[in-house]
Amino acid sequence: SQRFKLVLLYRKSLSRTPLQTRQPNNPLPSILSLKHFSNASQQHSFMVSYLVNDRGFSPETVLKASKFIQLETSEKPDSVIAFFRDNGFSNTQINSIVGRAPKVLTCDPHKRVFPKFEFLLSKG
């Protein structure tokens, strides 16, 4: 179907987004890094609870996403998910997109998602 082709094209375009490079671990943690760990743990807990319990994502998808993103609030993910739903994507399709390109949950859908979506629609 046309919608399925758009999903595949969209996933392919998102997969070209470069991943952040990881920094080597600091062998001597400082107070700042311990504070960051505590904050990161709280963010991870929020993200898992929010995406699994409130948004219905599978634990597997959230586990994959948690390796690449941190969510402090639900504002951006809510707007991204709403964008996909408003454009006819099913929960399964949204789950698949997030599983392949988790960083999509951290972007502004009107600046990053909509232009790509509009381009793909123009290509038929």
Protein backbone atom coordinates (compact mmCIF):
# COMPACT_ATOMS: atom_id res chain seq x y z
CA SER A 1 0.00 0.00 0.00
CA GLN A 2 1.02 3.63 -0.41
CA ARG A 3 1.19 4.22 3.36
CA PHE A 4 3.49 1.20 3.83
CA LYS A 5 5.87 2.48 1.14
CA LEU A 6 5.98 5.87 2.89
CA VAL A 7 6.81 4.19 6.19
CA LEU A 8 9.68 2.29 4.58
CA LEU A 9 11.02 5.39 2.84
CA TYR A 10 10.72 7.43 6.01
CA ARG A 11 12.56 4.82 8.08
CA LYS A 12 15.31 4.70 5.47
CA SER A 13 15.71 8.48 5.51
CA LEU A 14 15.90 8.54 9.33
CA SER A 15 18.50 5.79 9.42
CA ARG A 16 20.90 8.10 7.63
CA THR A 17 21.00 10.42 10.65
CA PRO A 18 24.51 10.13 12.14
CA LEU A 19 24.69 8.72 15.64
CA GLN A 20 26.49 10.58 18.38
CA THR A 21 29.96 9.33 19.06
CA ARG A 22 30.46 7.90 22.49
CA GLN A 23 33.10 9.26 24.82
CA PRO A 24 35.46 6.81 26.53
CA ASN A 25 34.63 6.10 30.16
CA ASN A 26 36.38 8.21 32.75
CA PRO A 27 38.21 5.80 35.10
CA LEU A 28 37.97 8.28 38.01
CA PRO A 29 34.38 9.44 38.39
CA SER A 30 33.99 12.95 39.74
CA ILE A 31 31.15 14.37 41.77
CA LEU A 32 29.79 15.86 38.57
CA SER A 33 29.76 12.52 36.78
CA LEU A 34 28.09 10.87 39.80
CA LYS A 35 25.44 13.58 39.74
CA HIS A 36 25.03 12.99 36.00
CA PHE A 37 24.64 9.26 36.65
CA SER A 38 21.91 9.93 39.20
CA ASN A 39 20.11 12.29 36.81
CA ALA A 40 20.57 9.86 33.92
CA SER A 41 19.12 7.06 36.03
CA GLN A 42 16.07 9.18 36.86
CA GLN A 43 15.67 10.16 33.19
CA HIS A 44 15.98 6.52 32.14
CA SER A 45 13.34 5.51 34.68
CA PHE A 46 11.00 8.27 33.46
CA MET A 47 11.59 7.34 29.83
CA VAL A 48 10.91 3.63 30.36
CA SER A 49 7.79 4.26 32.43
CA TYR A 50 6.45 6.88 30.03
CA LEU A 51 7.09 5.00 26.78
CA VAL A 52 5.97 1.56 28.00
CA ASN A 53 3.11 2.44 30.36
CA ASP A 54 1.75 5.70 28.92
CA ARG A 55 2.51 5.27 25.23
CA GLY A 56 2.28 1.49 24.82
CA PHE A 57 5.70 0.89 23.30
CA SER A 58 7.16 -2.56 23.67
CA PRO A 59 9.89 -3.00 26.29
CA GLU A 60 12.22 -4.17 23.50
CA THR A 61 11.74 -0.93 21.56
CA VAL A 62 12.29 1.17 24.68
CA LEU A 63 15.44 -0.78 25.56
CA LYS A 64 16.86 -0.07 22.10
CA ALA A 65 15.86 3.59 22.29
CA SER A 66 17.36 4.05 25.75
CA LYS A 67 20.83 3.38 24.34
CA PHE A 68 20.60 6.49 22.15
CA ILE A 69 18.29 9.00 23.81
CA GLN A 70 17.35 10.50 27.16
CA LEU A 71 13.92 12.00 27.76
CA GLU A 72 13.39 14.57 30.49
CA THR A 73 9.80 15.42 29.57
CA SER A 74 7.10 14.00 27.37
CA GLU A 75 6.65 17.17 25.29
CA LYS A 76 8.68 16.25 22.18
CA PRO A 77 7.78 12.55 22.09
CA ASP A 78 4.10 13.46 22.49
CA SER A 79 4.27 15.85 19.54
CA VAL A 80 6.15 13.34 17.36
CA ILE A 81 3.71 10.53 18.17
CA ALA A 82 0.74 12.85 17.59
CA PHE A 83 2.21 13.84 14.21
CA PHE A 84 2.47 10.21 13.11
CA ARG A 85 -1.01 9.35 14.40
CA ASP A 86 -2.51 12.43 12.71
CA ASN A 87 -0.99 11.22 9.46
CA GLY A 88 -2.51 7.76 9.68
CA PHE A 89 0.34 5.72 11.14
CA SER A 90 -0.67 2.77 13.31
CA ASN A 91 0.84 2.06 16.74
CA THR A 92 2.76 -0.83 15.18
CA GLN A 93 4.24 1.45 12.51
CA ILE A 94 5.17 4.12 15.07
CA ASN A 95 6.75 1.45 17.28
CA SER A 96 8.75 0.24 14.29
CA ILE A 97 9.95 3.74 13.37
CA VAL A 98 11.02 4.48 16.94
CA GLY A 99 12.78 1.12 17.16
CA ARG A 100 14.83 1.92 14.06
CA ALA A 101 15.33 5.65 14.67
CA PRO A 102 14.80 6.44 18.37
CA LYS A 103 16.20 9.96 18.05
CA VAL A 104 13.02 10.89 16.22
CA LEU A 105 11.39 11.16 19.67
CA THR A 106 13.72 14.02 20.62
CA CYS A 107 13.14 16.24 17.61
CA ASP A 108 10.65 18.95 16.75
CA PRO A 109 8.30 17.19 14.32
CA HIS A 110 7.49 20.40 12.45
CA LYS A 111 11.16 21.12 11.77
CA ARG A 112 12.51 17.63 11.17
CA VAL A 113 9.76 15.06 10.59
CA PHE A 114 7.22 17.06 8.59
CA PRO A 115 9.66 18.23 5.86
CA LYS A 116 10.84 14.65 5.26
CA PHE A 117 7.30 13.35 5.31
CA GLU A 118 6.19 16.07 2.88
CA PHE A 119 9.10 15.26 0.55
CA LEU A 120 8.26 11.55 0.55
CA LEU A 121 4.60 12.31 -0.18
CA SER A 122 5.65 14.44 -3.15
CA LYS A 123 7.59 11.49 -4.57
CA GLY A 124 4.46 9.33 -4.53
